[in-house]
Amino acid sequence: MARKRHKGVPIKRKIPDLGSGPTIELWTRMNRKFYEQLLRNGVIRGSEDHVWAEFVEPYKWMIEQMKQRIPGFAGGYPIWAWTRRKDAEWSGRPRKAHDRVLVRWRAPRDQVLLSDFFTWHAVLGGRLLARNEAEYDAWHEELEQRGLDRFGRHLDDYPPDIRERLEASWQLVFDGWDQIDGQWHGKHVRVQAVIPELRMNQVIAIYDVRKLAKGKGKRRHRRKRARLYRARSLDEVQRLLNPERLNPAKG
């Protein structure tokens, strides 16, 4: 059934409460290879090898945003995560779960760049991030009048003034969640995160995804059976607030 839209009647989006403390809880799924690397080296970082070719350019744009917004970040592919467990579990459903783990961890808030998952797709597709349907229609009408491909995927496909306006609209991915019409980009904001690295001393718990998904009993019991690792206490996790612990190579 086609989705019914109510033009002229914007819907306010529901934005989750992400707190304001010095750290933020994150969830991410990874395969066993990364999990073993985390255990062995105590840290993992992203890699271009795991990025689909058509997404390399949008990912590089995100890395440039990280350089501008995260203190001390010099570059490199990030770790992707979610602020809710349900979103982390949902993001991996299409894939096989037999070699996946789910990591719950806390990271310094000033090292995390949060964005809206739904509006991020405008960046992935090289499209204007329109606030509503009327803005979207006006944009594509202008492109057609100028003889431009309305579905151009790369910024290089457009003249400089169009590229500038596209990139300016993409800032709403980070800062304009409440400016978007909920009937246009979804009324529930799903918050994703990018961060330079994941360190073992930030991890609260690690779960076997296969055991989380299967088995009898209440979810909390399945979670206990699926747990591969748990920090001894939250105090142990809070070691990450110590700058010397965040940079062990200096010791």
C-alpha atoms as a PDB file:
ATOM      1  CA  MET A   1       0.000   0.000   0.000  1.00  0.00           C
ATOM      2  CA  ALA A   2       1.329   3.436  -0.924  1.00  0.00           C
ATOM      3  CA  ARG A   3       2.349   5.644   1.950  1.00  0.00           C
ATOM      4  CA  LYS A   4      -0.195   8.422   2.524  1.00  0.00           C
ATOM      5  CA  ARG A   5       1.252  11.917   2.899  1.00  0.00           C
ATOM      6  CA  HIS A   6      -0.467  14.956   4.367  1.00  0.00           C
ATOM      7  CA  LYS A   7       1.018  17.936   2.606  1.00  0.00           C
ATOM      8  CA  GLY A   8       1.107  21.094   4.674  1.00  0.00           C
ATOM      9  CA  VAL A   9       0.738  19.201   7.949  1.00  0.00           C
ATOM     10  CA  PRO A  10       4.293  18.555   9.222  1.00  0.00           C
ATOM     11  CA  ILE A  11       4.826  15.886  11.833  1.00  0.00           C
ATOM     12  CA  LYS A  12       7.191  16.562  14.722  1.00  0.00           C
ATOM     13  CA  ARG A  13       9.935  13.954  14.943  1.00  0.00           C
ATOM     14  CA  LYS A  14      10.611  12.020  18.136  1.00  0.00           C
ATOM     15  CA  ILE A  15      14.222  12.577  19.213  1.00  0.00           C
ATOM     16  CA  PRO A  16      15.661  10.184  21.835  1.00  0.00           C
ATOM     17  CA  ASP A  17      17.187  11.472  25.059  1.00  0.00           C
ATOM     18  CA  LEU A  18      20.942  10.908  24.714  1.00  0.00           C
ATOM     19  CA  GLY A  19      21.948  12.376  28.080  1.00  0.00           C
ATOM     20  CA  SER A  20      24.673  14.935  28.648  1.00  0.00           C
ATOM     21  CA  GLY A  21      27.395  13.217  30.694  1.00  0.00           C
ATOM     22  CA  PRO A  22      31.072  12.923  29.715  1.00  0.00           C
ATOM     23  CA  THR A  23      30.512   9.474  28.186  1.00  0.00           C
ATOM     24  CA  ILE A  24      27.819   7.921  26.027  1.00  0.00           C
ATOM     25  CA  GLU A  25      26.728   4.290  25.768  1.00  0.00           C
ATOM     26  CA  LEU A  26      27.048   2.734  22.315  1.00  0.00           C
ATOM     27  CA  TRP A  27      26.239  -0.591  20.678  1.00  0.00           C
ATOM     28  CA  THR A  28      27.874  -2.103  17.621  1.00  0.00           C
ATOM     29  CA  ARG A  29      27.879  -5.411  15.766  1.00  0.00           C
ATOM     30  CA  MET A  30      31.060  -6.883  14.377  1.00  0.00           C
ATOM     31  CA  ASN A  31      32.265 -10.168  12.965  1.00  0.00           C
ATOM     32  CA  ARG A  32      34.511 -12.560  14.832  1.00  0.00           C
ATOM     33  CA  LYS A  33      37.600 -11.325  13.028  1.00  0.00           C
ATOM     34  CA  PHE A  34      37.237  -7.835  14.506  1.00  0.00           C
ATOM     35  CA  TYR A  35      36.242  -9.277  17.876  1.00  0.00           C
ATOM     36  CA  GLU A  36      39.418 -11.372  18.022  1.00  0.00           C
ATOM     37  CA  GLN A  37      41.462  -8.355  16.934  1.00  0.00           C
ATOM     38  CA  LEU A  38      39.916  -6.325  19.767  1.00  0.00           C
ATOM     39  CA  LEU A  39      40.833  -9.009  22.298  1.00  0.00           C
ATOM     40  CA  ARG A  40      44.341  -9.402  20.908  1.00  0.00           C
ATOM     41  CA  ASN A  41      45.310  -5.739  20.417  1.00  0.00           C
ATOM     42  CA  GLY A  42      42.998  -3.975  22.838  1.00  0.00           C
ATOM     43  CA  VAL A  43      41.797  -1.593  20.095  1.00  0.00           C
ATOM     44  CA  ILE A  44      40.155  -1.708  16.665  1.00  0.00           C
ATOM     45  CA  ARG A  45      39.670   0.933  13.967  1.00  0.00           C
ATOM     46  CA  GLY A  46      37.718   1.079  10.726  1.00  0.00           C
ATOM     47  CA  SER A  47      39.098   0.201   7.309  1.00  0.00           C
ATOM     48  CA  GLU A  48      38.268   1.160   3.728  1.00  0.00           C
ATOM     49  CA  ASP A  49      38.457  -2.550   2.874  1.00  0.00           C
ATOM     50  CA  HIS A  50      35.020  -3.003   4.453  1.00  0.00           C
ATOM     51  CA  VAL A  51      33.321  -0.108   2.625  1.00  0.00           C
ATOM     52  CA  TRP A  52      31.271  -0.796  -0.503  1.00  0.00           C
ATOM     53  CA  ALA A  53      32.735   1.006  -3.512  1.00  0.00           C
ATOM     54  CA  GLU A  54      29.643   3.171  -4.053  1.00  0.00           C
ATOM     55  CA  PHE A  55      29.853   4.439  -0.463  1.00  0.00           C
ATOM     56  CA  VAL A  56      33.538   5.419  -0.373  1.00  0.00           C
ATOM     57  CA  GLU A  57      32.840   9.051  -1.295  1.00  0.00           C
ATOM     58  CA  PRO A  58      30.085   9.560   1.344  1.00  0.00           C
ATOM     59  CA  TYR A  59      32.314   7.907   3.962  1.00  0.00           C
ATOM     60  CA  LYS A  60      35.152  10.261   3.087  1.00  0.00           C
ATOM     61  CA  TRP A  61      32.737  13.156   3.517  1.00  0.00           C
ATOM     62  CA  MET A  62      31.842  11.829   6.979  1.00  0.00           C
ATOM     63  CA  ILE A  63      35.549  11.575   7.846  1.00  0.00           C
ATOM     64  CA  GLU A  64      35.990  15.249   6.896  1.00  0.00           C
ATOM     65  CA  GLN A  65      33.096  16.122   9.204  1.00  0.00           C
ATOM     66  CA  MET A  66      34.789  14.179  12.000  1.00  0.00           C
ATOM     67  CA  LYS A  67      37.967  16.211  11.484  1.00  0.00           C
ATOM     68  CA  GLN A  68      35.959  19.389  11.956  1.00  0.00           C
ATOM     69  CA  ARG A  69      33.861  18.213  14.898  1.00  0.00           C
ATOM     70  CA  ILE A  70      36.026  15.812  16.941  1.00  0.00           C
ATOM     71  CA  PRO A  71      38.991  17.339  18.802  1.00  0.00           C
ATOM     72  CA  GLY A  72      42.322  15.819  17.790  1.00  0.00           C
ATOM     73  CA  PHE A  73      40.916  13.555  15.064  1.00  0.00           C
ATOM     74  CA  ALA A  74      43.422  13.420  12.197  1.00  0.00           C
ATOM     75  CA  GLY A  75      41.636  11.035   9.838  1.00  0.00           C
ATOM     76  CA  GLY A  76      41.083   7.359   9.150  1.00  0.00           C
ATOM     77  CA  TYR A  77      37.982   5.226   8.730  1.00  0.00           C
ATOM     78  CA  PRO A  78      35.797   5.173  11.853  1.00  0.00           C
ATOM     79  CA  ILE A  79      33.953   2.581  13.867  1.00  0.00           C
ATOM     80  CA  TRP A  80      30.181   2.787  13.341  1.00  0.00           C
ATOM     81  CA  ALA A  81      27.780   2.262  16.222  1.00  0.00           C
ATOM     82  CA  TRP A  82      24.265   2.917  17.511  1.00  0.00           C
ATOM     83  CA  THR A  83      22.956   4.572  20.661  1.00  0.00           C
ATOM     84  CA  ARG A  84      20.299   1.877  21.184  1.00  0.00           C
ATOM     85  CA  ARG A  85      20.698  -1.872  21.433  1.00  0.00           C
ATOM     86  CA  LYS A  86      17.585  -2.500  19.321  1.00  0.00           C
ATOM     87  CA  ASP A  87      19.023  -0.490  16.431  1.00  0.00           C
ATOM     88  CA  ALA A  88      22.318  -2.384  16.587  1.00  0.00           C
ATOM     89  CA  GLU A  89      20.476  -5.694  16.476  1.00  0.00           C
ATOM     90  CA  TRP A  90      18.178  -4.517  13.678  1.00  0.00           C
ATOM     91  CA  SER A  91      21.091  -3.276  11.541  1.00  0.00           C
ATOM     92  CA  GLY A  92      22.533  -6.768  11.202  1.00  0.00           C
ATOM     93  CA  ARG A  93      19.394  -8.821  10.608  1.00  0.00           C
ATOM     94  CA  PRO A  94      19.938  -9.285   6.862  1.00  0.00           C
ATOM     95  CA  ARG A  95      23.326 -10.839   7.512  1.00  0.00           C
ATOM     96  CA  LYS A  96      24.116 -14.247   8.924  1.00  0.00           C
ATOM     97  CA  ALA A  97      24.471 -14.126  12.682  1.00  0.00           C
ATOM     98  CA  HIS A  98      26.678 -17.153  13.239  1.00  0.00           C
ATOM     99  CA  ASP A  99      29.925 -15.146  13.212  1.00  0.00           C
ATOM    100  CA  ARG A 100      28.664 -11.893  14.763  1.00  0.00           C
ATOM    101  CA  VAL A 101      29.061 -10.394  18.216  1.00  0.00           C
ATOM    102  CA  LEU A 102      27.240  -7.456  19.792  1.00  0.00           C
ATOM    103  CA  VAL A 103      29.394  -5.017  21.776  1.00  0.00           C
ATOM    104  CA  ARG A 104      28.061  -2.692  24.469  1.00  0.00           C
ATOM    105  CA  TRP A 105      30.536   0.048  25.375  1.00  0.00           C
ATOM    106  CA  ARG A 106      30.978   3.594  26.660  1.00  0.00           C
ATOM    107  CA  ALA A 107      32.991   6.229  24.811  1.00  0.00           C
ATOM    108  CA  PRO A 108      34.043   9.810  25.608  1.00  0.00           C
ATOM    109  CA  ARG A 109      31.234  11.989  24.291  1.00  0.00           C
ATOM    110  CA  ASP A 110      33.604  14.511  22.715  1.00  0.00           C
ATOM    111  CA  GLN A 111      35.079  11.711  20.558  1.00  0.00           C
ATOM    112  CA  VAL A 112      31.714  10.656  19.142  1.00  0.00           C
ATOM    113  CA  LEU A 113      29.927  12.216  16.172  1.00  0.00           C
ATOM    114  CA  LEU A 114      26.199  11.451  16.200  1.00  0.00           C
ATOM    115  CA  SER A 115      23.998  11.546  13.111  1.00  0.00           C
ATOM    116  CA  ASP A 116      20.484  10.694  11.960  1.00  0.00           C
ATOM    117  CA  PHE A 117      20.407   7.333  10.207  1.00  0.00           C
ATOM    118  CA  PHE A 118      17.446   8.151   7.957  1.00  0.00           C
ATOM    119  CA  THR A 119      18.677  11.530   6.716  1.00  0.00           C
ATOM    120  CA  TRP A 120      22.195  10.084   6.240  1.00  0.00           C
ATOM    121  CA  HIS A 121      20.781   8.323   3.190  1.00  0.00           C
ATOM    122  CA  ALA A 122      20.642  11.677   1.398  1.00  0.00           C
ATOM    123  CA  VAL A 123      24.435  11.790   1.683  1.00  0.00           C
ATOM    124  CA  LEU A 124      24.783   8.175   0.560  1.00  0.00           C
ATOM    125  CA  GLY A 125      22.664   8.921  -2.499  1.00  0.00           C
ATOM    126  CA  GLY A 126      24.223  12.301  -3.332  1.00  0.00           C
ATOM    127  CA  ARG A 127      20.836  14.003  -2.940  1.00  0.00           C
ATOM    128  CA  LEU A 128      19.604  17.186  -1.327  1.00  0.00           C
ATOM    129  CA  LEU A 129      18.597  16.674   2.292  1.00  0.00           C
ATOM    130  CA  ALA A 130      15.208  18.347   1.982  1.00  0.00           C
ATOM    131  CA  ARG A 131      13.296  19.314   5.107  1.00  0.00           C
ATOM    132  CA  ASN A 132       9.981  18.368   3.536  1.00  0.00           C
ATOM    133  CA  GLU A 133       8.363  17.188   0.326  1.00  0.00           C
ATOM    134  CA  ALA A 134       7.781  20.693  -1.038  1.00  0.00           C
ATOM    135  CA  GLU A 135      11.478  21.545  -0.691  1.00  0.00           C
ATOM    136  CA  TYR A 136      12.386  18.281  -2.388  1.00  0.00           C
ATOM    137  CA  ASP A 137      10.049  18.926  -5.337  1.00  0.00           C
ATOM    138  CA  ALA A 138      11.322  22.499  -5.788  1.00  0.00           C
ATOM    139  CA  TRP A 139      14.928  21.266  -5.827  1.00  0.00           C
ATOM    140  CA  HIS A 140      14.332  18.678  -8.522  1.00  0.00           C
ATOM    141  CA  GLU A 141      12.329  21.132 -10.592  1.00  0.00           C
ATOM    142  CA  GLU A 142      15.337  23.473 -10.518  1.00  0.00           C
ATOM    143  CA  LEU A 143      17.694  20.674 -11.569  1.00  0.00           C
ATOM    144  CA  GLU A 144      15.461  19.772 -14.490  1.00  0.00           C
ATOM    145  CA  GLN A 145      15.255  23.409 -15.594  1.00  0.00           C
ATOM    146  CA  ARG A 146      19.060  23.553 -15.614  1.00  0.00           C
ATOM    147  CA  GLY A 147      19.331  20.292 -17.524  1.00  0.00           C
ATOM    148  CA  LEU A 148      21.011  18.443 -14.648  1.00  0.00           C
ATOM    149  CA  ASP A 149      20.589  14.784 -13.753  1.00  0.00           C
ATOM    150  CA  ARG A 150      18.271  14.747 -10.759  1.00  0.00           C
ATOM    151  CA  PHE A 151      19.736  11.418  -9.656  1.00  0.00           C
ATOM    152  CA  GLY A 152      23.435  12.305  -9.934  1.00  0.00           C
ATOM    153  CA  ARG A 153      25.239  10.255  -7.305  1.00  0.00           C
ATOM    154  CA  HIS A 154      28.620  11.982  -7.017  1.00  0.00           C
ATOM    155  CA  LEU A 155      29.280  15.595  -6.147  1.00  0.00           C
ATOM    156  CA  ASP A 156      31.524  15.887  -9.190  1.00  0.00           C
ATOM    157  CA  ASP A 157      28.414  15.350 -11.342  1.00  0.00           C
ATOM    158  CA  TYR A 158      27.198  18.824 -10.387  1.00  0.00           C
ATOM    159  CA  PRO A 159      28.442  22.405 -10.910  1.00  0.00           C
ATOM    160  CA  PRO A 160      30.108  24.128  -7.902  1.00  0.00           C
ATOM    161  CA  ASP A 161      27.029  26.066  -6.728  1.00  0.00           C
ATOM    162  CA  ILE A 162      24.900  22.908  -6.640  1.00  0.00           C
ATOM    163  CA  ARG A 163      27.606  20.955  -4.791  1.00  0.00           C
ATOM    164  CA  GLU A 164      27.829  23.716  -2.207  1.00  0.00           C
ATOM    165  CA  ARG A 165      24.094  23.677  -1.583  1.00  0.00           C
ATOM    166  CA  LEU A 166      24.040  19.886  -1.366  1.00  0.00           C
ATOM    167  CA  GLU A 167      26.785  19.789   1.260  1.00  0.00           C
ATOM    168  CA  ALA A 168      25.170  22.632   3.200  1.00  0.00           C
ATOM    169  CA  SER A 169      21.911  20.656   3.384  1.00  0.00           C
ATOM    170  CA  TRP A 170      23.760  17.599   4.673  1.00  0.00           C
ATOM    171  CA  GLN A 171      24.644  19.416   7.883  1.00  0.00           C
ATOM    172  CA  LEU A 172      21.069  18.633   8.961  1.00  0.00           C
ATOM    173  CA  VAL A 173      22.278  15.049   9.419  1.00  0.00           C
ATOM    174  CA  PHE A 174      24.011  16.288  12.585  1.00  0.00           C
ATOM    175  CA  ASP A 175      22.268  19.464  13.671  1.00  0.00           C
ATOM    176  CA  GLY A 176      18.780  19.619  12.207  1.00  0.00           C
ATOM    177  CA  TRP A 177      16.842  16.611  13.433  1.00  0.00           C
ATOM    178  CA  ASP A 178      13.974  18.792  14.666  1.00  0.00           C
ATOM    179  CA  GLN A 179      13.831  20.737  11.378  1.00  0.00           C
ATOM    180  CA  ILE A 180      12.840  17.697   9.327  1.00  0.00           C
ATOM    181  CA  ASP A 181       9.200  16.873   8.655  1.00  0.00           C
ATOM    182  CA  GLY A 182       8.515  13.530  10.311  1.00  0.00           C
ATOM    183  CA  GLN A 183       6.321  12.322   7.450  1.00  0.00           C
ATOM    184  CA  TRP A 184       9.197  12.905   5.029  1.00  0.00           C
ATOM    185  CA  HIS A 185      12.188  11.255   6.775  1.00  0.00           C
ATOM    186  CA  GLY A 186      10.478   9.232   9.482  1.00  0.00           C
ATOM    187  CA  LYS A 187       9.000  10.447  12.745  1.00  0.00           C
ATOM    188  CA  HIS A 188      11.405   8.425  14.900  1.00  0.00           C
ATOM    189  CA  VAL A 189      15.059   9.502  14.821  1.00  0.00           C
ATOM    190  CA  ARG A 190      17.455   6.541  14.810  1.00  0.00           C
ATOM    191  CA  VAL A 191      20.794   7.816  16.061  1.00  0.00           C
ATOM    192  CA  GLN A 192      23.992   6.329  14.660  1.00  0.00           C
ATOM    193  CA  ALA A 193      27.524   7.206  15.711  1.00  0.00           C
ATOM    194  CA  VAL A 194      31.023   7.291  14.287  1.00  0.00           C
ATOM    195  CA  ILE A 195      34.093   7.249  16.499  1.00  0.00           C
ATOM    196  CA  PRO A 196      37.831   6.988  15.674  1.00  0.00           C
ATOM    197  CA  GLU A 197      38.360   3.720  17.536  1.00  0.00           C
ATOM    198  CA  LEU A 198      36.994   1.198  20.013  1.00  0.00           C
ATOM    199  CA  ARG A 199      39.180   0.231  22.967  1.00  0.00           C
ATOM    200  CA  MET A 200      38.768  -2.859  25.096  1.00  0.00           C
ATOM    201  CA  ASN A 201      38.863  -0.822  28.299  1.00  0.00           C
ATOM    202  CA  GLN A 202      35.671   0.913  27.113  1.00  0.00           C
ATOM    203  CA  VAL A 203      33.713  -2.330  26.756  1.00  0.00           C
ATOM    204  CA  ILE A 204      30.913  -3.125  29.190  1.00  0.00           C
ATOM    205  CA  ALA A 205      29.864  -6.462  27.668  1.00  0.00           C
ATOM    206  CA  ILE A 206      30.106  -8.572  24.513  1.00  0.00           C
ATOM    207  CA  TYR A 207      27.394 -10.998  23.372  1.00  0.00           C
ATOM    208  CA  ASP A 208      27.159 -13.860  20.900  1.00  0.00           C
ATOM    209  CA  VAL A 209      24.466 -12.690  18.440  1.00  0.00           C
ATOM    210  CA  ARG A 210      23.405 -16.228  17.540  1.00  0.00           C
ATOM    211  CA  LYS A 211      22.680 -17.101  21.173  1.00  0.00           C
ATOM    212  CA  LEU A 212      20.866 -13.801  21.691  1.00  0.00           C
ATOM    213  CA  ALA A 213      18.496 -14.572  18.835  1.00  0.00           C
ATOM    214  CA  LYS A 214      17.794 -18.197  19.692  1.00  0.00           C
ATOM    215  CA  GLY A 215      16.878 -20.169  22.755  1.00  0.00           C
ATOM    216  CA  LYS A 216      14.034 -20.424  25.221  1.00  0.00           C
ATOM    217  CA  GLY A 217      13.294 -18.191  28.168  1.00  0.00           C
ATOM    218  CA  LYS A 218      13.079 -14.473  28.781  1.00  0.00           C
ATOM    219  CA  ARG A 219      15.417 -12.153  26.943  1.00  0.00           C
ATOM    220  CA  ARG A 220      17.484 -11.316  30.029  1.00  0.00           C
ATOM    221  CA  HIS A 221      18.201 -15.031  30.482  1.00  0.00           C
ATOM    222  CA  ARG A 222      19.233 -15.419  26.836  1.00  0.00           C
ATOM    223  CA  ARG A 223      21.456 -12.378  27.204  1.00  0.00           C
ATOM    224  CA  LYS A 224      23.219 -13.959  30.182  1.00  0.00           C
ATOM    225  CA  ARG A 225      23.811 -17.201  28.265  1.00  0.00           C
ATOM    226  CA  ALA A 226      25.058 -15.280  25.231  1.00  0.00           C
ATOM    227  CA  ARG A 227      27.519 -13.118  27.134  1.00  0.00           C
ATOM    228  CA  LEU A 228      31.130 -13.643  26.086  1.00  0.00           C
ATOM    229  CA  TYR A 229      32.650 -10.880  28.206  1.00  0.00           C
ATOM    230  CA  ARG A 230      31.585  -8.502  30.969  1.00  0.00           C
ATOM    231  CA  ALA A 231      33.582  -5.779  32.703  1.00  0.00           C
ATOM    232  CA  ARG A 232      33.940  -6.493  36.416  1.00  0.00           C
ATOM    233  CA  SER A 233      32.271  -3.186  37.275  1.00  0.00           C
ATOM    234  CA  LEU A 234      31.271   0.134  35.777  1.00  0.00           C
ATOM    235  CA  ASP A 235      34.230   1.614  37.650  1.00  0.00           C
ATOM    236  CA  GLU A 236      36.454  -0.521  35.457  1.00  0.00           C
ATOM    237  CA  VAL A 237      34.851   0.955  32.342  1.00  0.00           C
ATOM    238  CA  GLN A 238      35.234   4.487  33.696  1.00  0.00           C
ATOM    239  CA  ARG A 239      39.016   4.093  33.408  1.00  0.00           C
ATOM    240  CA  LEU A 240      38.598   5.511  29.928  1.00  0.00           C
ATOM    241  CA  LEU A 241      38.083   8.940  31.508  1.00  0.00           C
ATOM    242  CA  ASN A 242      41.762   8.867  32.480  1.00  0.00           C
ATOM    243  CA  PRO A 243      43.699  10.430  29.566  1.00  0.00           C
ATOM    244  CA  GLU A 244      46.680   8.168  30.240  1.00  0.00           C
ATOM    245  CA  ARG A 245      44.467   5.114  29.784  1.00  0.00           C
ATOM    246  CA  LEU A 246      43.151   6.483  26.524  1.00  0.00           C
ATOM    247  CA  ASN A 247      46.715   6.743  25.196  1.00  0.00           C
ATOM    248  CA  PRO A 248      48.510   3.645  26.541  1.00  0.00           C
ATOM    249  CA  ALA A 249      51.275   3.988  23.948  1.00  0.00           C
ATOM    250  CA  LYS A 250      52.616   6.905  25.945  1.00  0.00           C
ATOM    251  CA  GLY A 251      53.306   4.664  28.913  1.00  0.00           C
END
